[in-house]
Amino acid sequence: MVAQIRGADARVLVVDDDAVNRLLLSRLLARMGVNQLRVEGQADRLGDIVRDFQPDLILMDLHVGDVDGLDALREVAAQDPDWSARRVIMITGETGDQIERRCRDAGVSSVLTKPYTAELLLSTVEEALASLPGHERRAPPTAG
């Protein structure tokens, strides 16, 4: 069973070129209670997508087809006046200090290394949402 996420009113954008990964992420996020979700398979229009959807949180694969996810994020950040209010979780199969440093230098909030569990995804997403301005952690619903 997957726990419900607090802050489910946030807008979440998933960008991954792998259809299976997109499906798994969208299903996990939906089961967690995220109800404002947009899923994209390409990063070439990332700037337009961010401008139109106004995501609070972006989950993005490090390599989206031929596009380097970090380069795409830097390009969007340079043109987005609200970029500092967004959080980014970079998803990658790569590990090591160098990749962590590259991600942090690009303004990525967290790095999620494949393979990951639903619980790790939940805690990483919750942590990112909790750090958003105006998205204070809400108490979990009580039984009864």
Protein backbone atom coordinates (compact mmCIF):
# COMPACT_ATOMS: atom_id res chain seq x y z
CA MET A 1 0.00 0.00 0.00
CA VAL A 2 1.24 3.48 -0.89
CA ALA A 3 0.71 6.24 1.65
CA GLN A 4 -1.17 9.41 0.71
CA ILE A 5 1.01 12.43 0.13
CA ARG A 6 0.46 15.69 1.92
CA GLY A 7 0.46 18.69 -0.38
CA ALA A 8 -1.40 16.83 -3.11
CA ASP A 9 -2.81 20.12 -4.39
CA ALA A 10 0.62 20.91 -5.87
CA ARG A 11 1.12 20.82 -9.63
CA VAL A 12 3.54 18.05 -10.57
CA LEU A 13 5.22 17.66 -13.97
CA VAL A 14 6.89 14.37 -14.98
CA VAL A 15 9.34 14.46 -17.91
CA ASP A 16 10.75 11.10 -19.05
CA ASP A 17 11.26 9.66 -22.52
CA ASP A 18 10.59 6.08 -21.36
CA ALA A 19 6.88 5.24 -21.61
CA VAL A 20 7.09 2.59 -18.87
CA ASN A 21 8.74 5.05 -16.46
CA ARG A 22 6.11 7.69 -17.27
CA LEU A 23 3.32 5.19 -16.61
CA LEU A 24 4.84 3.96 -13.34
CA LEU A 25 5.52 7.46 -12.04
CA SER A 26 2.08 8.75 -12.98
CA ARG A 27 0.38 5.76 -11.34
CA LEU A 28 2.47 6.04 -8.17
CA LEU A 29 1.87 9.78 -7.92
CA ALA A 30 -1.86 9.34 -8.53
CA ARG A 31 -2.04 6.63 -5.85
CA MET A 32 -0.25 9.05 -3.52
CA GLY A 33 -3.01 11.59 -4.10
CA VAL A 34 -1.38 13.97 -6.58
CA ASN A 35 -4.30 15.23 -8.64
CA GLN A 36 -2.68 17.97 -10.74
CA LEU A 37 -0.28 15.89 -12.81
CA ARG A 38 1.11 16.42 -16.30
CA VAL A 39 3.29 13.80 -17.97
CA GLU A 40 5.56 14.54 -20.94
CA GLY A 41 7.84 12.34 -23.01
CA GLN A 42 10.06 15.06 -24.48
CA ALA A 43 12.05 17.95 -23.06
CA ASP A 44 12.39 20.05 -26.20
CA ARG A 45 9.32 22.14 -25.27
CA LEU A 46 10.05 22.24 -21.55
CA GLY A 47 9.98 26.03 -21.37
CA ASP A 48 6.51 26.19 -22.95
CA ILE A 49 5.24 23.38 -20.75
CA VAL A 50 6.50 25.03 -17.56
CA ARG A 51 5.06 28.39 -18.60
CA ASP A 52 1.64 26.86 -19.41
CA PHE A 53 1.33 24.33 -16.56
CA GLN A 54 3.19 26.28 -13.84
CA PRO A 55 4.41 23.19 -11.94
CA ASP A 56 5.43 23.38 -8.31
CA LEU A 57 7.46 20.21 -8.68
CA ILE A 58 9.23 18.69 -11.69
CA LEU A 59 10.34 15.05 -11.75
CA MET A 60 12.70 14.75 -14.70
CA ASP A 61 14.92 12.08 -16.15
CA LEU A 62 18.55 13.10 -16.52
CA HIS A 63 18.51 12.03 -20.19
CA VAL A 64 15.31 12.67 -22.12
CA GLY A 65 16.03 11.31 -25.57
CA ASP A 66 18.89 13.34 -26.98
CA VAL A 67 18.31 16.17 -24.49
CA ASP A 68 20.40 16.54 -21.35
CA GLY A 69 17.88 17.18 -18.58
CA LEU A 70 20.23 19.53 -16.74
CA ASP A 71 20.77 21.66 -19.84
CA ALA A 72 17.01 21.82 -20.40
CA LEU A 73 16.44 22.88 -16.78
CA ARG A 74 19.11 25.59 -16.95
CA GLU A 75 17.54 26.98 -20.11
CA VAL A 76 14.08 27.12 -18.52
CA ALA A 77 15.43 28.58 -15.27
CA ALA A 78 17.09 31.43 -17.17
CA GLN A 79 13.72 32.45 -18.66
CA ASP A 80 11.36 31.68 -15.78
CA PRO A 81 10.89 34.47 -13.22
CA ASP A 82 9.22 31.98 -10.83
CA TRP A 83 11.96 29.35 -11.06
CA SER A 84 13.11 29.78 -7.45
CA ALA A 85 9.63 28.77 -6.27
CA ARG A 86 9.80 25.43 -8.14
CA ARG A 87 11.41 22.20 -6.96
CA VAL A 88 13.10 19.63 -9.19
CA ILE A 89 13.73 15.96 -8.53
CA MET A 90 16.19 14.55 -11.05
CA ILE A 91 15.76 10.85 -11.78
CA THR A 92 18.83 8.99 -13.00
CA GLY A 93 20.48 5.63 -13.24
CA GLU A 94 23.86 7.32 -12.78
CA THR A 95 25.49 7.52 -9.39
CA GLY A 96 28.42 9.30 -7.82
CA ASP A 97 29.57 12.61 -6.47
CA GLN A 98 30.03 14.15 -9.92
CA ILE A 99 26.42 13.63 -10.96
CA GLU A 100 25.19 14.88 -7.57
CA ARG A 101 27.34 18.01 -7.97
CA ARG A 102 26.14 18.64 -11.54
CA CYS A 103 22.54 18.35 -10.39
CA ARG A 104 22.99 20.65 -7.40
CA ASP A 105 24.82 23.21 -9.57
CA ALA A 106 21.83 23.18 -11.94
CA GLY A 107 19.44 23.92 -9.07
CA VAL A 108 18.04 20.41 -8.62
CA SER A 109 16.44 19.92 -5.21
CA SER A 110 16.93 16.14 -4.96
CA VAL A 111 18.39 13.29 -6.95
CA LEU A 112 16.48 10.00 -7.11
CA THR A 113 18.59 7.09 -8.29
CA LYS A 114 17.02 4.20 -10.19
CA PRO A 115 15.87 1.74 -9.08
CA TYR A 116 13.88 3.38 -6.30
CA THR A 117 11.01 2.22 -4.12
CA ALA A 118 7.56 3.76 -3.87
CA GLU A 119 8.41 4.72 -0.29
CA LEU A 120 11.56 6.57 -1.38
CA LEU A 121 9.63 8.36 -4.12
CA LEU A 122 6.97 9.35 -1.57
CA SER A 123 9.46 10.71 0.95
CA THR A 124 11.44 12.57 -1.73
CA VAL A 125 8.30 14.15 -3.21
CA GLU A 126 6.95 15.05 0.24
CA GLU A 127 10.25 16.66 1.21
CA ALA A 128 10.28 18.72 -1.99
CA LEU A 129 6.65 19.80 -1.55
CA ALA A 130 7.18 20.66 2.12
CA SER A 131 9.94 23.08 1.10
CA LEU A 132 7.66 25.02 -1.26
CA PRO A 133 6.47 28.43 -0.14
CA GLY A 134 2.85 28.13 0.99
CA HIS A 135 2.86 24.32 1.04
CA GLU A 136 3.40 23.67 4.70
CA ARG A 137 3.06 20.08 5.74
CA ARG A 138 -0.50 19.18 6.59
CA ALA A 139 -1.30 16.67 9.26
CA PRO A 140 -2.25 13.27 7.89
CA PRO A 141 -5.98 12.53 7.87
CA THR A 142 -7.25 10.89 11.03
CA ALA A 143 -9.22 7.69 11.02
CA GLY A 144 -12.74 7.82 12.11
